[in-house]
């Protein structure tokens, strides 16, 4: 087998391998679908006996109305004493002792 024939075979396999893989996956998928047994579900209806509901009369509960709680007013704080400024203002004076 010469080099050209070898390259021709390798190139053909490289190009066709994805197609072969996809076709193989599809065949395996269809084969598994065909082999799954069908599931048959049978529904059985069960008759329930009649139920009896007993209703008893209850006594009314007395309602207790609560009055609103008494809120005491908060005491007013005493006024803060005002401190007068006793510092004498500084006055600039010219130095005439030159």
PDB file of N, CA and C in Angstrom:
ATOM      1  N   UNK A   1       0.853  -1.162   0.000  1.00  0.00           N
ATOM      2  CA  UNK A   1       0.000   0.000   0.000  1.00  0.00           C
ATOM      3  C   UNK A   1       0.907   1.236   0.000  1.00  0.00           C
ATOM      4  N   UNK A   2       0.664   2.097  -0.946  1.00  0.00           N
ATOM      5  CA  UNK A   2       1.501   3.284  -1.030  1.00  0.00           C
ATOM      6  C   UNK A   2       0.924   4.402  -0.144  1.00  0.00           C
ATOM      7  N   UNK A   3       1.638   5.517  -0.061  1.00  0.00           N
ATOM      8  CA  UNK A   3       1.254   6.623   0.818  1.00  0.00           C
ATOM      9  C   UNK A   3      -0.082   7.231   0.383  1.00  0.00           C
ATOM     10  N   UNK A   4      -0.290   7.358  -0.919  1.00  0.00           N
ATOM     11  CA  UNK A   4      -1.519   7.986  -1.389  1.00  0.00           C
ATOM     12  C   UNK A   4      -2.744   7.173  -0.989  1.00  0.00           C
ATOM     13  N   UNK A   5      -2.665   5.867  -1.156  1.00  0.00           N
ATOM     14  CA  UNK A   5      -3.791   5.007  -0.800  1.00  0.00           C
ATOM     15  C   UNK A   5      -4.049   5.081   0.710  1.00  0.00           C
ATOM     16  N   UNK A   6      -2.966   5.115   1.501  1.00  0.00           N
ATOM     17  CA  UNK A   6      -3.082   5.218   2.957  1.00  0.00           C
ATOM     18  C   UNK A   6      -3.773   6.529   3.345  1.00  0.00           C
ATOM     19  N   UNK A   7      -3.377   7.669   2.766  1.00  0.00           N
ATOM     20  CA  UNK A   7      -3.983   8.959   3.070  1.00  0.00           C
ATOM     21  C   UNK A   7      -5.442   8.992   2.631  1.00  0.00           C
ATOM     22  N   UNK A   8      -5.752   8.323   1.524  1.00  0.00           N
ATOM     23  CA  UNK A   8      -7.128   8.301   1.044  1.00  0.00           C
ATOM     24  C   UNK A   8      -8.038   7.553   2.040  1.00  0.00           C
ATOM     25  N   UNK A   9      -7.575   6.452   2.586  1.00  0.00           N
ATOM     26  CA  UNK A   9      -8.361   5.679   3.551  1.00  0.00           C
ATOM     27  C   UNK A   9      -8.537   6.457   4.856  1.00  0.00           C
ATOM     28  N   UNK A  10      -7.455   7.073   5.348  1.00  0.00           N
ATOM     29  CA  UNK A  10      -7.514   7.842   6.596  1.00  0.00           C
ATOM     30  C   UNK A  10      -8.459   9.038   6.428  1.00  0.00           C
ATOM     31  N   UNK A  11      -8.393   9.742   5.322  1.00  0.00           N
ATOM     32  CA  UNK A  11      -9.268  10.893   5.076  1.00  0.00           C
ATOM     33  C   UNK A  11     -10.723  10.484   4.995  1.00  0.00           C
ATOM     34  N   UNK A  12     -10.991   9.363   4.321  1.00  0.00           N
ATOM     35  CA  UNK A  12     -12.370   8.889   4.206  1.00  0.00           C
ATOM     36  C   UNK A  12     -12.929   8.523   5.571  1.00  0.00           C
ATOM     37  N   UNK A  13     -12.153   7.833   6.400  1.00  0.00           N
ATOM     38  CA  UNK A  13     -12.613   7.478   7.745  1.00  0.00           C
ATOM     39  C   UNK A  13     -12.823   8.722   8.616  1.00  0.00           C
ATOM     40  N   UNK A  14     -11.966   9.722   8.455  1.00  0.00           N
ATOM     41  CA  UNK A  14     -12.084  10.953   9.241  1.00  0.00           C
ATOM     42  C   UNK A  14     -13.369  11.693   8.888  1.00  0.00           C
ATOM     43  N   UNK A  15     -13.688  11.728   7.604  1.00  0.00           N
ATOM     44  CA  UNK A  15     -14.886  12.443   7.181  1.00  0.00           C
ATOM     45  C   UNK A  15     -16.152  11.661   7.544  1.00  0.00           C
ATOM     46  N   UNK A  16     -16.135  10.353   7.410  1.00  0.00           N
ATOM     47  CA  UNK A  16     -17.332   9.548   7.618  1.00  0.00           C
ATOM     48  C   UNK A  16     -17.552   9.114   9.069  1.00  0.00           C
ATOM     49  N   UNK A  17     -16.558   9.234   9.948  1.00  0.00           N
ATOM     50  CA  UNK A  17     -16.719   8.752  11.327  1.00  0.00           C
ATOM     51  C   UNK A  17     -17.827   9.474  12.090  1.00  0.00           C
ATOM     52  N   UNK A  18     -18.017  10.814  11.981  1.00  0.00           N
ATOM     53  CA  UNK A  18     -19.142  11.426  12.696  1.00  0.00           C
ATOM     54  C   UNK A  18     -20.497  10.924  12.184  1.00  0.00           C
ATOM     55  N   UNK A  19     -20.588  10.722  10.890  1.00  0.00           N
ATOM     56  CA  UNK A  19     -21.846  10.230  10.322  1.00  0.00           C
ATOM     57  C   UNK A  19     -22.126   8.821  10.817  1.00  0.00           C
ATOM     58  N   UNK A  20     -21.107   7.979  10.866  1.00  0.00           N
ATOM     59  CA  UNK A  20     -21.267   6.599  11.338  1.00  0.00           C
ATOM     60  C   UNK A  20     -21.678   6.591  12.814  1.00  0.00           C
ATOM     61  N   UNK A  21     -21.076   7.478  13.623  1.00  0.00           N
ATOM     62  CA  UNK A  21     -21.421   7.538  15.044  1.00  0.00           C
ATOM     63  C   UNK A  21     -22.874   7.967  15.256  1.00  0.00           C
ATOM     64  N   UNK A  22     -23.340   8.969  14.506  1.00  0.00           N
ATOM     65  CA  UNK A  22     -24.713   9.442  14.655  1.00  0.00           C
ATOM     66  C   UNK A  22     -25.698   8.359  14.235  1.00  0.00           C
ATOM     67  N   UNK A  23     -25.433   7.706  13.117  1.00  0.00           N
ATOM     68  CA  UNK A  23     -26.322   6.639  12.656  1.00  0.00           C
ATOM     69  C   UNK A  23     -26.341   5.485  13.667  1.00  0.00           C
ATOM     70  N   UNK A  24     -25.189   5.143  14.234  1.00  0.00           N
ATOM     71  CA  UNK A  24     -25.129   4.078  15.244  1.00  0.00           C
ATOM     72  C   UNK A  24     -25.927   4.445  16.485  1.00  0.00           C
ATOM     73  N   UNK A  25     -25.837   5.708  16.930  1.00  0.00           N
ATOM     74  CA  UNK A  25     -26.594   6.142  18.105  1.00  0.00           C
ATOM     75  C   UNK A  25     -28.092   6.081  17.844  1.00  0.00           C
ATOM     76  N   UNK A  26     -28.515   6.481  16.635  1.00  0.00           N
ATOM     77  CA  UNK A  26     -29.940   6.431  16.301  1.00  0.00           C
ATOM     78  C   UNK A  26     -30.433   4.988  16.271  1.00  0.00           C
ATOM     79  N   UNK A  27     -29.635   4.068  15.720  1.00  0.00           N
ATOM     80  CA  UNK A  27     -30.032   2.659  15.677  1.00  0.00           C
ATOM     81  C   UNK A  27     -30.153   2.069  17.080  1.00  0.00           C
ATOM     82  N   UNK A  28     -29.217   2.404  17.959  1.00  0.00           N
ATOM     83  CA  UNK A  28     -29.280   1.901  19.340  1.00  0.00           C
ATOM     84  C   UNK A  28     -30.514   2.468  20.050  1.00  0.00           C
ATOM     85  N   UNK A  29     -30.821   3.755  19.805  1.00  0.00           N
ATOM     86  CA  UNK A  29     -31.987   4.376  20.419  1.00  0.00           C
ATOM     87  C   UNK A  29     -33.270   3.676  19.983  1.00  0.00           C
ATOM     88  N   UNK A  30     -33.434   3.445  18.696  1.00  0.00           N
ATOM     89  CA  UNK A  30     -34.643   2.791  18.197  1.00  0.00           C
ATOM     90  C   UNK A  30     -34.726   1.339  18.655  1.00  0.00           C
ATOM     91  N   UNK A  31     -33.567   0.688  18.805  1.00  0.00           N
ATOM     92  CA  UNK A  31     -33.576  -0.701  19.264  1.00  0.00           C
ATOM     93  C   UNK A  31     -34.029  -0.784  20.722  1.00  0.00           C
ATOM     94  N   UNK A  32     -33.634   0.195  21.553  1.00  0.00           N
ATOM     95  CA  UNK A  32     -34.054   0.173  22.960  1.00  0.00           C
ATOM     96  C   UNK A  32     -35.521   0.522  23.084  1.00  0.00           C
ATOM     97  N   UNK A  33     -36.039   1.383  22.213  1.00  0.00           N
ATOM     98  CA  UNK A  33     -37.465   1.696  22.265  1.00  0.00           C
ATOM     99  C   UNK A  33     -38.313   0.495  21.889  1.00  0.00           C
ATOM    100  N   UNK A  34     -37.855  -0.281  20.935  1.00  0.00           N
ATOM    101  CA  UNK A  34     -38.625  -1.432  20.483  1.00  0.00           C
ATOM    102  C   UNK A  34     -38.621  -2.548  21.528  1.00  0.00           C
ATOM    103  N   UNK A  35     -37.571  -2.621  22.357  1.00  0.00           N
ATOM    104  CA  UNK A  35     -37.469  -3.722  23.312  1.00  0.00           C
ATOM    105  C   UNK A  35     -38.208  -3.454  24.625  1.00  0.00           C
ATOM    106  N   UNK A  36     -38.679  -2.211  24.850  1.00  0.00           N
ATOM    107  CA  UNK A  36     -39.375  -1.898  26.111  1.00  0.00           C
ATOM    108  C   UNK A  36     -40.772  -2.482  26.072  1.00  0.00           C
ATOM    109  N   UNK A  37     -41.169  -3.187  27.126  1.00  0.00           N
ATOM    110  CA  UNK A  37     -42.537  -3.726  27.156  1.00  0.00           C
ATOM    111  C   UNK A  37     -43.534  -2.605  27.424  1.00  0.00           C
ATOM    112  N   UNK A  38     -44.715  -2.763  26.914  1.00  0.00           N
ATOM    113  CA  UNK A  38     -45.757  -1.773  27.153  1.00  0.00           C
ATOM    114  C   UNK A  38     -46.327  -1.970  28.555  1.00  0.00           C
ATOM    115  N   UNK A  39     -46.575  -0.890  29.215  1.00  0.00           N
ATOM    116  CA  UNK A  39     -47.121  -0.932  30.572  1.00  0.00           C
ATOM    117  C   UNK A  39     -48.620  -0.719  30.471  1.00  0.00           C
ATOM    118  N   UNK A  40     -49.383  -1.683  30.981  1.00  0.00           N
ATOM    119  CA  UNK A  40     -50.826  -1.597  30.963  1.00  0.00           C
ATOM    120  C   UNK A  40     -51.286  -1.352  32.397  1.00  0.00           C
ATOM    121  N   UNK A  41     -51.991  -0.262  32.570  1.00  0.00           N
ATOM    122  CA  UNK A  41     -52.488   0.067  33.899  1.00  0.00           C
ATOM    123  C   UNK A  41     -53.968  -0.272  33.960  1.00  0.00           C
ATOM    124  N   UNK A  42     -54.361  -0.939  35.015  1.00  0.00           N
ATOM    125  CA  UNK A  42     -55.761  -1.311  35.188  1.00  0.00           C
ATOM    126  C   UNK A  42     -56.318  -0.508  36.351  1.00  0.00           C
ATOM    127  N   UNK A  43     -57.419   0.134  36.094  1.00  0.00           N
ATOM    128  CA  UNK A  43     -58.036   0.973  37.109  1.00  0.00           C
ATOM    129  C   UNK A  43     -59.192   0.190  37.728  1.00  0.00           C
ATOM    130  N   UNK A  44     -59.151   0.054  39.030  1.00  0.00           N
ATOM    131  CA  UNK A  44     -60.202  -0.658  39.750  1.00  0.00           C
ATOM    132  C   UNK A  44     -60.950   0.362  40.596  1.00  0.00           C
ATOM    133  N   UNK A  45     -62.254   0.428  40.394  1.00  0.00           N
ATOM    134  CA  UNK A  45     -63.058   1.358  41.172  1.00  0.00           C
ATOM    135  C   UNK A  45     -63.497   0.682  42.460  1.00  0.00           C
ATOM    136  N   UNK A  46     -63.287   1.357  43.554  1.00  0.00           N
ATOM    137  CA  UNK A  46     -63.658   0.835  44.860  1.00  0.00           C
ATOM    138  C   UNK A  46     -64.807   1.681  45.381  1.00  0.00           C
ATOM    139  N   UNK A  47     -65.867   1.035  45.757  1.00  0.00           N
ATOM    140  CA  UNK A  47     -67.006   1.760  46.295  1.00  0.00           C
ATOM    141  C   UNK A  47     -66.778   2.027  47.777  1.00  0.00           C
ATOM    142  N   UNK A  48     -66.967   3.266  48.149  1.00  0.00           N
ATOM    143  CA  UNK A  48     -66.792   3.640  49.550  1.00  0.00           C
ATOM    144  C   UNK A  48     -68.155   3.563  50.239  1.00  0.00           C
ATOM    145  N   UNK A  49     -68.184   3.154  51.488  1.00  0.00           N
ATOM    146  CA  UNK A  49     -69.460   3.148  52.207  1.00  0.00           C
ATOM    147  C   UNK A  49     -69.915   4.582  52.475  1.00  0.00           C
ATOM    148  N   UNK A  50     -71.203   4.743  52.629  1.00  0.00           N
ATOM    149  CA  UNK A  50     -71.726   6.069  52.922  1.00  0.00           C
ATOM    150  C   UNK A  50     -71.203   6.540  54.271  1.00  0.00           C
ATOM    151  N   UNK A  51     -70.902   7.806  54.332  1.00  0.00           N
ATOM    152  CA  UNK A  51     -70.401   8.365  55.586  1.00  0.00           C
ATOM    153  C   UNK A  51     -71.505   9.175  56.240  1.00  0.00           C
ATOM    154  N   UNK A  52     -71.505   9.154  57.555  1.00  0.00           N
ATOM    155  CA  UNK A  52     -72.501   9.880  58.328  1.00  0.00           C
ATOM    156  C   UNK A  52     -71.770  10.946  59.120  1.00  0.00           C
ATOM    157  N   UNK A  53     -72.268  12.175  59.015  1.00  0.00           N
ATOM    158  CA  UNK A  53     -71.661  13.282  59.754  1.00  0.00           C
ATOM    159  C   UNK A  53     -72.619  13.664  60.868  1.00  0.00           C
ATOM    160  N   UNK A  54     -72.122  13.646  62.102  1.00  0.00           N
ATOM    161  CA  UNK A  54     -72.930  13.998  63.263  1.00  0.00           C
ATOM    162  C   UNK A  54     -72.599  15.432  63.634  1.00  0.00           C
ATOM    163  N   UNK A  55     -73.629  16.263  63.692  1.00  0.00           N
ATOM    164  CA  UNK A  55     -73.437  17.673  64.016  1.00  0.00           C
ATOM    165  C   UNK A  55     -73.972  17.903  65.413  1.00  0.00           C
ATOM    166  N   UNK A  56     -73.157  18.477  66.267  1.00  0.00           N
ATOM    167  CA  UNK A  56     -73.578  18.781  67.631  1.00  0.00           C
ATOM    168  C   UNK A  56     -73.683  20.288  67.782  1.00  0.00           C
ATOM    169  N   UNK A  57     -74.702  20.699  68.532  1.00  0.00           N
ATOM    170  CA  UNK A  57     -74.882  22.121  68.762  1.00  0.00           C
ATOM    171  C   UNK A  57     -73.968  22.546  69.905  1.00  0.00           C
ATOM    172  N   UNK A  58     -73.289  23.624  69.722  1.00  0.00           N
ATOM    173  CA  UNK A  58     -72.377  24.114  70.761  1.00  0.00           C
ATOM    174  C   UNK A  58     -72.975  25.357  71.403  1.00  0.00           C
ATOM    175  N   UNK A  59     -72.567  25.597  72.627  1.00  0.00           N
ATOM    176  CA  UNK A  59     -73.039  26.775  73.345  1.00  0.00           C
ATOM    177  C   UNK A  59     -72.231  27.982  72.872  1.00  0.00           C
ATOM    178  N   UNK A  60     -72.875  29.133  72.793  1.00  0.00           N
ATOM    179  CA  UNK A  60     -72.136  30.328  72.369  1.00  0.00           C
ATOM    180  C   UNK A  60     -71.128  30.741  73.445  1.00  0.00           C
ATOM    181  N   UNK A  61     -69.995  31.161  73.005  1.00  0.00           N
ATOM    182  CA  UNK A  61     -68.940  31.590  73.914  1.00  0.00           C
ATOM    183  C   UNK A  61     -69.133  33.073  74.202  1.00  0.00           C
ATOM    184  N   UNK A  62     -69.113  33.480  75.498  1.00  0.00           N
ATOM    185  CA  UNK A  62     -69.288  34.904  75.803  1.00  0.00           C
ATOM    186  C   UNK A  62     -68.080  35.709  75.299  1.00  0.00           C
ATOM    187  N   UNK A  63     -68.388  36.864  74.759  1.00  0.00           N
ATOM    188  CA  UNK A  63     -67.340  37.732  74.215  1.00  0.00           C
ATOM    189  C   UNK A  63     -66.966  38.751  75.273  1.00  0.00           C
ATOM    190  N   UNK A  64     -65.690  38.843  75.579  1.00  0.00           N
ATOM    191  CA  UNK A  64     -65.206  39.794  76.570  1.00  0.00           C
ATOM    192  C   UNK A  64     -64.563  40.951  75.811  1.00  0.00           C
ATOM    193  N   UNK A  65     -65.068  42.152  76.071  1.00  0.00           N
ATOM    194  CA  UNK A  65     -64.544  43.340  75.406  1.00  0.00           C
ATOM    195  C   UNK A  65     -63.568  44.010  76.365  1.00  0.00           C
ATOM    196  N   UNK A  66     -62.370  44.169  75.924  1.00  0.00           N
ATOM    197  CA  UNK A  66     -61.359  44.814  76.767  1.00  0.00           C
ATOM    198  C   UNK A  66     -61.298  46.291  76.414  1.00  0.00           C
ATOM    199  N   UNK A  67     -61.138  47.117  77.466  1.00  0.00           N
ATOM    200  CA  UNK A  67     -61.009  48.548  77.209  1.00  0.00           C
ATOM    201  C   UNK A  67     -59.565  48.855  76.808  1.00  0.00           C
ATOM    202  N   UNK A  68     -59.392  49.983  76.191  1.00  0.00           N
ATOM    203  CA  UNK A  68     -58.056  50.381  75.741  1.00  0.00           C
ATOM    204  C   UNK A  68     -57.182  50.675  76.953  1.00  0.00           C
ATOM    205  N   UNK A  69     -55.932  50.332  76.908  1.00  0.00           N
ATOM    206  CA  UNK A  69     -55.057  50.593  78.056  1.00  0.00           C
ATOM    207  C   UNK A  69     -54.835  52.099  78.230  1.00  0.00           C
ATOM    208  N   UNK A  70     -54.679  52.480  79.490  1.00  0.00           N
ATOM    209  CA  UNK A  70     -54.467  53.891  79.817  1.00  0.00           C
ATOM    210  C   UNK A  70     -52.996  54.217  79.595  1.00  0.00           C
ATOM    211  N   UNK A  71     -52.761  55.253  78.810  1.00  0.00           N
ATOM    212  CA  UNK A  71     -51.392  55.668  78.521  1.00  0.00           C
ATOM    213  C   UNK A  71     -51.125  56.948  79.294  1.00  0.00           C
ATOM    214  N   UNK A  72     -50.089  56.906  80.135  1.00  0.00           N
ATOM    215  CA  UNK A  72     -49.737  58.086  80.916  1.00  0.00           C
ATOM    216  C   UNK A  72     -48.904  59.018  80.042  1.00  0.00           C
ATOM    217  N   UNK A  73     -49.170  60.315  80.128  1.00  0.00           N
ATOM    218  CA  UNK A  73     -48.371  61.254  79.328  1.00  0.00           C
ATOM    219  C   UNK A  73     -46.945  61.327  79.868  1.00  0.00           C
ATOM    220  N   UNK A  74     -46.037  61.536  78.978  1.00  0.00           N
ATOM    221  CA  UNK A  74     -44.631  61.627  79.402  1.00  0.00           C
ATOM    222  C   UNK A  74     -44.402  63.002  80.005  1.00  0.00           C
ATOM    223  N   UNK A  75     -43.596  63.070  81.082  1.00  0.00           N
ATOM    224  CA  UNK A  75     -43.368  64.365  81.724  1.00  0.00           C
ATOM    225  C   UNK A  75     -42.509  65.270  80.827  1.00  0.00           C
ATOM    226  N   UNK A  76     -42.795  66.558  80.913  1.00  0.00           N
ATOM    227  CA  UNK A  76     -42.040  67.536  80.137  1.00  0.00           C
ATOM    228  C   UNK A  76     -40.729  67.800  80.866  1.00  0.00           C
ATOM    229  N   UNK A  77     -39.588  67.737  80.172  1.00  0.00           N
ATOM    230  CA  UNK A  77     -38.311  67.983  80.859  1.00  0.00           C
ATOM    231  C   UNK A  77     -38.194  69.461  81.251  1.00  0.00           C
ATOM    232  N   UNK A  78     -37.484  69.728  82.345  1.00  0.00           N
ATOM    233  CA  UNK A  78     -37.342  71.128  82.781  1.00  0.00           C
ATOM    234  C   UNK A  78     -36.501  71.903  81.757  1.00  0.00           C
ATOM    235  N   UNK A  79     -36.749  73.189  81.654  1.00  0.00           N
ATOM    236  CA  UNK A  79     -35.989  73.983  80.671  1.00  0.00           C
ATOM    237  C   UNK A  79     -34.504  74.049  81.049  1.00  0.00           C
ATOM    238  N   UNK A  80     -33.689  74.088  80.036  1.00  0.00           N
ATOM    239  CA  UNK A  80     -32.239  74.143  80.251  1.00  0.00           C
ATOM    240  C   UNK A  80     -31.863  75.585  80.577  1.00  0.00           C
ATOM    241  N   UNK A  81     -31.075  75.800  81.658  1.00  0.00           N
ATOM    242  CA  UNK A  81     -30.699  77.181  82.000  1.00  0.00           C
ATOM    243  C   UNK A  81     -29.746  77.774  80.951  1.00  0.00           C
ATOM    244  N   UNK A  82     -29.964  79.038  80.660  1.00  0.00           N
ATOM    245  CA  UNK A  82     -29.156  79.728  79.661  1.00  0.00           C
ATOM    246  C   UNK A  82     -27.991  80.396  80.376  1.00  0.00           C
ATOM    247  N   UNK A  83     -26.781  80.125  79.895  1.00  0.00           N
ATOM    248  CA  UNK A  83     -25.584  80.725  80.493  1.00  0.00           C
ATOM    249  C   UNK A  83     -25.203  81.927  79.651  1.00  0.00           C
ATOM    250  N   UNK A  84     -25.059  83.082  80.314  1.00  0.00           N
ATOM    251  CA  UNK A  84     -24.707  84.291  79.578  1.00  0.00           C
ATOM    252  C   UNK A  84     -23.204  84.312  79.334  1.00  0.00           C
ATOM    253  N   UNK A  85     -22.848  84.893  78.207  1.00  0.00           N
ATOM    254  CA  UNK A  85     -21.433  84.986  77.833  1.00  0.00           C
ATOM    255  C   UNK A  85     -20.820  86.159  78.584  1.00  0.00           C
ATOM    256  N   UNK A  86     -19.808  85.884  79.441  1.00  0.00           N
ATOM    257  CA  UNK A  86     -19.183  86.936  80.254  1.00  0.00           C
ATOM    258  C   UNK A  86     -17.816  87.317  79.738  1.00  0.00           C
ATOM    259  N   UNK A  87     -17.405  86.775  78.615  1.00  0.00           N
ATOM    260  CA  UNK A  87     -16.080  87.091  78.077  1.00  0.00           C
ATOM    261  C   UNK A  87     -16.175  88.426  77.353  1.00  0.00           C
ATOM    262  N   UNK A  88     -15.194  89.319  77.663  1.00  0.00           N
ATOM    263  CA  UNK A  88     -15.192  90.628  77.021  1.00  0.00           C
ATOM    264  C   UNK A  88     -14.619  90.477  75.619  1.00  0.00           C
ATOM    265  N   UNK A  89     -15.188  91.138  74.653  1.00  0.00           N
ATOM    266  CA  UNK A  89     -14.663  91.040  73.292  1.00  0.00           C
ATOM    267  C   UNK A  89     -13.284  91.684  73.193  1.00  0.00           C
ATOM    268  N   UNK A  90     -12.441  91.086  72.398  1.00  0.00           N
ATOM    269  CA  UNK A  90     -11.093  91.600  72.215  1.00  0.00           C
ATOM    270  C   UNK A  90     -11.145  92.672  71.138  1.00  0.00           C
ATOM    271  N   UNK A  91     -10.585  93.831  71.489  1.00  0.00           N
ATOM    272  CA  UNK A  91     -10.582  94.947  70.538  1.00  0.00           C
ATOM    273  C   UNK A  91      -9.149  95.168  70.102  1.00  0.00           C
ATOM    274  N   UNK A  92      -8.985  95.240  68.790  1.00  0.00           N
ATOM    275  CA  UNK A  92      -7.624  95.481  68.306  1.00  0.00           C
ATOM    276  C   UNK A  92      -7.274  96.960  68.554  1.00  0.00           C
ATOM    277  N   UNK A  93      -6.077  97.114  69.003  1.00  0.00           N
ATOM    278  CA  UNK A  93      -5.618  98.497  69.209  1.00  0.00           C
ATOM    279  C   UNK A  93      -4.321  98.701  68.454  1.00  0.00           C
ATOM    280  N   UNK A  94      -4.123  99.887  68.022  1.00  0.00           N
ATOM    281  CA  UNK A  94      -2.903 100.186  67.257  1.00  0.00           C
ATOM    282  C   UNK A  94      -1.739 100.386  68.222  1.00  0.00           C
ATOM    283  N   UNK A  95      -0.597  99.855  67.852  1.00  0.00           N
ATOM    284  CA  UNK A  95       0.603 100.034  68.661  1.00  0.00           C
ATOM    285  C   UNK A  95       1.264 101.343  68.248  1.00  0.00           C
ATOM    286  N   UNK A  96       1.169 102.312  69.112  1.00  0.00           N
ATOM    287  CA  UNK A  96       1.709 103.641  68.786  1.00  0.00           C
ATOM    288  C   UNK A  96       3.010 103.912  69.458  1.00  0.00           C
ATOM    289  N   UNK A  97       3.653 102.905  70.013  1.00  0.00           N
ATOM    290  CA  UNK A  97       4.892 103.114  70.766  1.00  0.00           C
ATOM    291  C   UNK A  97       6.114 103.078  69.882  1.00  0.00           C
ATOM    292  N   UNK A  98       6.004 103.203  68.657  1.00  0.00           N
ATOM    293  CA  UNK A  98       7.176 103.153  67.792  1.00  0.00           C
ATOM    294  C   UNK A  98       8.069 104.289  67.940  1.00  0.00           C
TER     295      UNK A  98
END
